[in-house]
C-alpha cells in the first residue's frame, strides 16, 4: 500500500503490484461498520500514479499518470460514476 486518501466520503487506496501502481475505492463506513470495497479505478495502462488531488466534498478526483510510453498526464475520475 502506498497511500490512503479521503475524497467524496470515500477512501482511495493506492498500491503497487507487479511494478505498476493501482487504485482501489472503498466507501466511508458508518459508526461500528466496516468499509466496503467499491471498485478498482482503471488506469490508462501499466505505469506510475503521480500526485492525487481532490476535495473532501467534490465528486471529481485528479491524478497524474506516467509510464515508459506515456508522458505525465493529468487524469480525471468522477467518483460517482468511476469514469
C-alpha atoms as a PDB file:
ATOM      1  CA  UNK A   1       0.000   0.000   0.000  1.00  0.00           C
ATOM      2  CA  UNK A   2       1.409   3.384  -0.995  1.00  0.00           C
ATOM      3  CA  UNK A   3      -1.211   5.775   0.400  1.00  0.00           C
ATOM      4  CA  UNK A   4      -4.770   6.192   1.681  1.00  0.00           C
ATOM      5  CA  UNK A   5      -6.674   9.410   0.944  1.00  0.00           C
ATOM      6  CA  UNK A   6     -10.264  10.559   1.513  1.00  0.00           C
ATOM      7  CA  UNK A   7     -12.358  12.094  -1.275  1.00  0.00           C
ATOM      8  CA  UNK A   8     -16.137  12.490  -1.594  1.00  0.00           C
ATOM      9  CA  UNK A   9     -16.781  10.381   1.527  1.00  0.00           C
ATOM     10  CA  UNK A  10     -14.730   7.533   0.052  1.00  0.00           C
ATOM     11  CA  UNK A  11     -11.280   6.079   0.759  1.00  0.00           C
ATOM     12  CA  UNK A  12      -8.844   5.937  -2.157  1.00  0.00           C
ATOM     13  CA  UNK A  13      -6.097   3.354  -1.675  1.00  0.00           C
ATOM     14  CA  UNK A  14      -3.067   3.431  -3.974  1.00  0.00           C
ATOM     15  CA  UNK A  15      -0.743   0.457  -4.093  1.00  0.00           C
ATOM     16  CA  UNK A  16       1.884  -1.169  -6.295  1.00  0.00           C
ATOM     17  CA  UNK A  17       1.559  -4.634  -7.772  1.00  0.00           C
ATOM     18  CA  UNK A  18       3.977  -6.142 -10.293  1.00  0.00           C
ATOM     19  CA  UNK A  19       5.868  -2.823 -10.586  1.00  0.00           C
ATOM     20  CA  UNK A  20       2.721  -0.890 -11.579  1.00  0.00           C
ATOM     21  CA  UNK A  21       0.537   1.408  -9.487  1.00  0.00           C
ATOM     22  CA  UNK A  22      -3.166   0.684  -8.937  1.00  0.00           C
ATOM     23  CA  UNK A  23      -6.082   2.440  -7.208  1.00  0.00           C
ATOM     24  CA  UNK A  24      -8.979   0.955  -5.245  1.00  0.00           C
ATOM     25  CA  UNK A  25     -12.000   2.796  -3.878  1.00  0.00           C
ATOM     26  CA  UNK A  26     -13.838   1.971  -0.622  1.00  0.00           C
ATOM     27  CA  UNK A  27     -16.894   3.580   0.935  1.00  0.00           C
ATOM     28  CA  UNK A  28     -16.634   5.584   4.151  1.00  0.00           C
ATOM     29  CA  UNK A  29     -18.019   3.331   6.889  1.00  0.00           C
ATOM     30  CA  UNK A  30     -20.642   4.452   9.322  1.00  0.00           C
ATOM     31  CA  UNK A  31     -20.063   4.056  13.022  1.00  0.00           C
ATOM     32  CA  UNK A  32     -19.276   0.432  14.024  1.00  0.00           C
ATOM     33  CA  UNK A  33     -19.264  -0.753  10.382  1.00  0.00           C
ATOM     34  CA  UNK A  34     -16.510  -1.943   8.095  1.00  0.00           C
ATOM     35  CA  UNK A  35     -15.599  -0.127   4.907  1.00  0.00           C
ATOM     36  CA  UNK A  36     -16.858  -1.845   1.733  1.00  0.00           C
ATOM     37  CA  UNK A  37     -14.878  -2.264  -1.489  1.00  0.00           C
ATOM     38  CA  UNK A  38     -16.453  -0.280  -4.349  1.00  0.00           C
ATOM     39  CA  UNK A  39     -14.211  -0.636  -7.407  1.00  0.00           C
ATOM     40  CA  UNK A  40     -10.745  -0.700  -8.902  1.00  0.00           C
ATOM     41  CA  UNK A  41     -10.207   2.546 -10.805  1.00  0.00           C
ATOM     42  CA  UNK A  42      -8.988   1.948 -14.350  1.00  0.00           C
ATOM     43  CA  UNK A  43      -5.656   3.495 -15.291  1.00  0.00           C
ATOM     44  CA  UNK A  44      -4.541   4.204 -18.883  1.00  0.00           C
ATOM     45  CA  UNK A  45      -2.065   1.312 -18.654  1.00  0.00           C
ATOM     46  CA  UNK A  46       0.845  -0.041 -16.670  1.00  0.00           C
ATOM     47  CA  UNK A  47       2.608   2.884 -15.021  1.00  0.00           C
ATOM     48  CA  UNK A  48       3.033   5.228 -12.092  1.00  0.00           C
ATOM     49  CA  UNK A  49       0.455   7.386 -10.327  1.00  0.00           C
ATOM     50  CA  UNK A  50       1.703  10.886  -9.567  1.00  0.00           C
ATOM     51  CA  UNK A  51       0.139  13.438  -7.269  1.00  0.00           C
ATOM     52  CA  UNK A  52      -3.529  12.830  -6.392  1.00  0.00           C
ATOM     53  CA  UNK A  53      -5.789  15.855  -5.766  1.00  0.00           C
ATOM     54  CA  UNK A  54      -9.408  16.414  -4.940  1.00  0.00           C
ATOM     55  CA  UNK A  55     -11.669  17.881  -2.296  1.00  0.00           C
ATOM     56  CA  UNK A  56     -13.443  16.094   0.513  1.00  0.00           C
ATOM     57  CA  UNK A  57     -16.862  17.231  -0.747  1.00  0.00           C
ATOM     58  CA  UNK A  58     -16.269  17.199  -4.528  1.00  0.00           C
ATOM     59  CA  UNK A  59     -17.076  14.321  -6.866  1.00  0.00           C
ATOM     60  CA  UNK A  60     -14.015  14.764  -9.100  1.00  0.00           C
ATOM     61  CA  UNK A  61     -10.580  13.313  -8.409  1.00  0.00           C
ATOM     62  CA  UNK A  62      -7.447  14.324 -10.338  1.00  0.00           C
ATOM     63  CA  UNK A  63      -4.185  12.413 -10.570  1.00  0.00           C
ATOM     64  CA  UNK A  64      -1.019  12.343 -12.630  1.00  0.00           C
ATOM     65  CA  UNK A  65      -0.119   9.229 -14.627  1.00  0.00           C
ATOM     66  CA  UNK A  66       3.076   8.327 -16.446  1.00  0.00           C
ATOM     67  CA  UNK A  67       4.720   5.238 -17.951  1.00  0.00           C
ATOM     68  CA  UNK A  68       7.586   4.376 -20.288  1.00  0.00           C
ATOM     69  CA  UNK A  69       5.420   5.132 -23.318  1.00  0.00           C
ATOM     70  CA  UNK A  70       3.050   7.699 -21.774  1.00  0.00           C
ATOM     71  CA  UNK A  71       4.258  11.162 -20.707  1.00  0.00           C
ATOM     72  CA  UNK A  72       2.997  12.605 -17.401  1.00  0.00           C
ATOM     73  CA  UNK A  73      -0.657  13.445 -17.973  1.00  0.00           C
ATOM     74  CA  UNK A  74      -3.350  14.866 -15.688  1.00  0.00           C
ATOM     75  CA  UNK A  75      -6.278  12.453 -15.422  1.00  0.00           C
ATOM     76  CA  UNK A  76      -9.789  12.998 -14.022  1.00  0.00           C
ATOM     77  CA  UNK A  77     -12.156  10.486 -12.386  1.00  0.00           C
ATOM     78  CA  UNK A  78     -15.782  11.102 -11.433  1.00  0.00           C
ATOM     79  CA  UNK A  79     -16.163   9.403  -8.038  1.00  0.00           C
ATOM     80  CA  UNK A  80     -19.885   8.808  -8.570  1.00  0.00           C
ATOM     81  CA  UNK A  81     -19.669   7.025 -11.957  1.00  0.00           C
ATOM     82  CA  UNK A  82     -15.994   5.907 -11.690  1.00  0.00           C
ATOM     83  CA  UNK A  83     -15.424   7.121 -15.261  1.00  0.00           C
END
